Amino acid sequence: MASNALKTNAKISPERVDEALSIRDRLIIELLVSVLDEKLVIERHILKERLANLVELADYDAELKETIHGIVAKM
């Protein structure tokens, strides 16, 4: 069952890119630690979807969420 959290057409706010990149990197590390701990294999599209879900669950403002989604979509 796929979620609709992944936004492939999200707009990136240039002034929020550094903040969004930092958050994206932290979320990727958290997911990879979880995957390694569970000894799972994760494909790129699943990684993107899980990142998108974490972004949606986080308490970031709308502009930052949109920027993070845009950066994740470019991965």
N, C-alpha and C. Protein backbone atom coordinates (compact mmCIF):
# COMPACT_ATOMS: atom_id res chain seq x y z
N MET A 1 0.85 -1.17 0.00
CA MET A 1 0.00 0.00 0.00
C MET A 1 0.90 1.24 0.00
N ALA A 2 0.78 2.05 -1.02
CA ALA A 2 1.61 3.25 -1.15
C ALA A 2 0.89 4.45 -0.56
N SER A 3 1.68 5.32 0.01
CA SER A 3 1.16 6.56 0.58
C SER A 3 1.23 7.65 -0.46
N ASN A 4 0.47 8.71 -0.26
CA ASN A 4 0.50 9.84 -1.18
C ASN A 4 1.35 10.97 -0.64
N ALA A 5 2.25 10.70 0.27
CA ALA A 5 3.05 11.75 0.89
C ALA A 5 4.12 12.29 -0.05
N LEU A 6 4.62 11.48 -0.98
CA LEU A 6 5.68 11.90 -1.87
C LEU A 6 5.14 12.92 -2.87
N LYS A 7 5.74 14.11 -2.86
CA LYS A 7 5.32 15.19 -3.75
C LYS A 7 6.43 15.44 -4.77
N THR A 8 6.22 14.96 -5.97
CA THR A 8 7.25 15.08 -7.00
C THR A 8 7.31 16.46 -7.64
N ASN A 9 6.29 17.27 -7.45
CA ASN A 9 6.26 18.60 -8.06
C ASN A 9 6.38 19.72 -7.02
N ALA A 10 6.95 19.43 -5.88
CA ALA A 10 7.09 20.42 -4.80
C ALA A 10 8.07 21.51 -5.22
N LYS A 11 7.77 22.74 -4.80
CA LYS A 11 8.63 23.88 -5.12
C LYS A 11 9.69 24.06 -4.05
N ILE A 12 10.90 24.37 -4.50
CA ILE A 12 12.02 24.56 -3.58
C ILE A 12 12.22 26.05 -3.36
N SER A 13 12.16 26.48 -2.09
CA SER A 13 12.43 27.87 -1.74
C SER A 13 13.93 28.05 -1.56
N PRO A 14 14.56 28.86 -2.41
CA PRO A 14 16.02 29.02 -2.35
C PRO A 14 16.55 29.41 -0.97
N GLU A 15 15.81 30.22 -0.24
CA GLU A 15 16.27 30.65 1.07
C GLU A 15 16.16 29.57 2.14
N ARG A 16 15.47 28.47 1.85
CA ARG A 16 15.30 27.39 2.82
C ARG A 16 16.08 26.13 2.45
N VAL A 17 16.85 26.17 1.37
CA VAL A 17 17.53 24.97 0.87
C VAL A 17 18.51 24.41 1.90
N ASP A 18 19.35 25.25 2.49
CA ASP A 18 20.34 24.73 3.45
C ASP A 18 19.66 24.05 4.64
N GLU A 19 18.63 24.67 5.16
CA GLU A 19 17.88 24.09 6.28
C GLU A 19 17.24 22.76 5.86
N ALA A 20 16.65 22.75 4.67
CA ALA A 20 15.98 21.54 4.18
C ALA A 20 16.98 20.41 3.93
N LEU A 21 18.15 20.75 3.39
CA LEU A 21 19.18 19.73 3.15
C LEU A 21 19.64 19.11 4.46
N SER A 22 19.80 19.92 5.46
CA SER A 22 20.22 19.43 6.77
C SER A 22 19.17 18.48 7.35
N ILE A 23 17.93 18.85 7.25
CA ILE A 23 16.84 18.00 7.76
C ILE A 23 16.76 16.71 6.96
N ARG A 24 16.85 16.82 5.62
CA ARG A 24 16.80 15.63 4.77
C ARG A 24 17.91 14.66 5.14
N ASP A 25 19.12 15.19 5.33
CA ASP A 25 20.25 14.33 5.67
C ASP A 25 20.03 13.62 7.01
N ARG A 26 19.50 14.34 7.98
CA ARG A 26 19.23 13.73 9.28
C ARG A 26 18.17 12.64 9.17
N LEU A 27 17.12 12.90 8.38
CA LEU A 27 16.06 11.90 8.20
C LEU A 27 16.58 10.66 7.48
N ILE A 28 17.45 10.85 6.50
CA ILE A 28 18.04 9.71 5.79
C ILE A 28 18.86 8.86 6.75
N ILE A 29 19.64 9.51 7.58
CA ILE A 29 20.45 8.77 8.56
C ILE A 29 19.55 7.98 9.50
N GLU A 30 18.48 8.60 9.99
CA GLU A 30 17.55 7.90 10.87
C GLU A 30 16.95 6.68 10.18
N LEU A 31 16.54 6.83 8.91
CA LEU A 31 15.97 5.71 8.18
C LEU A 31 16.99 4.61 7.94
N LEU A 32 18.20 4.99 7.58
CA LEU A 32 19.23 3.98 7.32
C LEU A 32 19.59 3.21 8.58
N VAL A 33 19.66 3.89 9.70
CA VAL A 33 19.92 3.21 10.97
C VAL A 33 18.81 2.21 11.26
N SER A 34 17.58 2.63 11.04
CA SER A 34 16.44 1.74 11.25
C SER A 34 16.51 0.53 10.33
N VAL A 35 16.80 0.77 9.07
CA VAL A 35 16.88 -0.32 8.08
C VAL A 35 18.01 -1.28 8.43
N LEU A 36 19.16 -0.73 8.78
CA LEU A 36 20.29 -1.60 9.14
C LEU A 36 20.00 -2.39 10.40
N ASP A 37 19.34 -1.75 11.35
CA ASP A 37 19.00 -2.43 12.59
C ASP A 37 18.06 -3.60 12.33
N GLU A 38 17.15 -3.42 11.39
CA GLU A 38 16.19 -4.47 11.07
C GLU A 38 16.71 -5.42 9.99
N LYS A 39 17.93 -5.16 9.50
CA LYS A 39 18.56 -5.96 8.46
C LYS A 39 17.66 -6.08 7.22
N LEU A 40 17.13 -4.94 6.81
CA LEU A 40 16.25 -4.88 5.64
C LEU A 40 17.00 -4.34 4.43
N VAL A 41 16.44 -4.55 3.28
CA VAL A 41 16.93 -3.94 2.05
C VAL A 41 15.89 -2.90 1.67
N ILE A 42 16.35 -1.72 1.31
CA ILE A 42 15.41 -0.66 0.96
C ILE A 42 15.74 -0.11 -0.42
N GLU A 43 14.74 0.01 -1.24
CA GLU A 43 14.90 0.53 -2.59
C GLU A 43 14.71 2.05 -2.56
N ARG A 44 15.26 2.72 -3.58
CA ARG A 44 15.24 4.18 -3.63
C ARG A 44 13.81 4.74 -3.52
N HIS A 45 12.87 4.18 -4.26
CA HIS A 45 11.51 4.74 -4.22
C HIS A 45 10.86 4.55 -2.84
N ILE A 46 11.21 3.49 -2.16
CA ILE A 46 10.69 3.28 -0.80
C ILE A 46 11.34 4.26 0.17
N LEU A 47 12.64 4.49 0.00
CA LEU A 47 13.34 5.47 0.83
C LEU A 47 12.70 6.85 0.66
N LYS A 48 12.44 7.24 -0.57
CA LYS A 48 11.81 8.54 -0.82
C LYS A 48 10.43 8.62 -0.17
N GLU A 49 9.67 7.55 -0.29
CA GLU A 49 8.32 7.54 0.29
C GLU A 49 8.37 7.63 1.81
N ARG A 50 9.30 6.91 2.42
CA ARG A 50 9.43 6.96 3.88
C ARG A 50 9.90 8.33 4.34
N LEU A 51 10.81 8.94 3.58
CA LEU A 51 11.25 10.31 3.91
C LEU A 51 10.07 11.27 3.81
N ALA A 52 9.28 11.14 2.75
CA ALA A 52 8.12 12.02 2.58
C ALA A 52 7.14 11.86 3.73
N ASN A 53 6.94 10.64 4.19
CA ASN A 53 6.05 10.41 5.33
C ASN A 53 6.58 11.08 6.59
N LEU A 54 7.90 10.97 6.82
CA LEU A 54 8.49 11.62 7.99
C LEU A 54 8.36 13.13 7.92
N VAL A 55 8.52 13.68 6.73
CA VAL A 55 8.38 15.14 6.55
C VAL A 55 6.95 15.56 6.88
N GLU A 56 5.98 14.79 6.40
CA GLU A 56 4.58 15.13 6.67
C GLU A 56 4.23 15.04 8.15
N LEU A 57 4.86 14.11 8.85
CA LEU A 57 4.58 13.95 10.27
C LEU A 57 5.30 14.98 11.15
N ALA A 58 6.32 15.61 10.59
CA ALA A 58 7.13 16.56 11.35
C ALA A 58 6.39 17.88 11.53
N ASP A 59 6.87 18.66 12.48
CA ASP A 59 6.24 19.94 12.81
C ASP A 59 7.02 21.09 12.16
N TYR A 60 7.14 21.07 10.82
CA TYR A 60 7.81 22.13 10.09
C TYR A 60 6.75 23.01 9.45
N ASP A 61 7.12 24.26 9.14
CA ASP A 61 6.16 25.13 8.47
C ASP A 61 5.97 24.65 7.03
N ALA A 62 4.91 25.11 6.39
CA ALA A 62 4.52 24.62 5.06
C ALA A 62 5.61 24.87 4.01
N GLU A 63 6.26 26.03 4.06
CA GLU A 63 7.29 26.35 3.08
C GLU A 63 8.48 25.40 3.20
N LEU A 64 8.88 25.11 4.43
CA LEU A 64 10.00 24.20 4.65
C LEU A 64 9.64 22.78 4.22
N LYS A 65 8.44 22.33 4.54
CA LYS A 65 8.00 21.01 4.11
C LYS A 65 8.03 20.90 2.59
N GLU A 66 7.54 21.92 1.91
CA GLU A 66 7.52 21.94 0.46
C GLU A 66 8.94 21.86 -0.11
N THR A 67 9.86 22.60 0.50
CA THR A 67 11.25 22.60 0.06
C THR A 67 11.89 21.24 0.28
N ILE A 68 11.64 20.64 1.43
CA ILE A 68 12.20 19.31 1.70
C ILE A 68 11.64 18.30 0.69
N HIS A 69 10.35 18.36 0.43
CA HIS A 69 9.75 17.46 -0.56
C HIS A 69 10.42 17.64 -1.92
N GLY A 70 10.66 18.87 -2.32
CA GLY A 70 11.32 19.13 -3.59
C GLY A 70 12.71 18.55 -3.64
N ILE A 71 13.45 18.66 -2.56
CA ILE A 71 14.81 18.13 -2.49
C ILE A 71 14.79 16.60 -2.50
N VAL A 72 13.86 16.01 -1.77
CA VAL A 72 13.74 14.55 -1.74
C VAL A 72 13.37 14.04 -3.13
N ALA A 73 12.50 14.74 -3.82
CA ALA A 73 12.09 14.30 -5.17
C ALA A 73 13.26 14.31 -6.14
N LYS A 74 14.25 15.17 -5.91
CA LYS A 74 15.41 15.25 -6.80
C LYS A 74 16.45 14.17 -6.51
N MET A 75 16.31 13.43 -5.44
CA MET A 75 17.28 12.39 -5.09
C MET A 75 17.31 11.29 -6.14
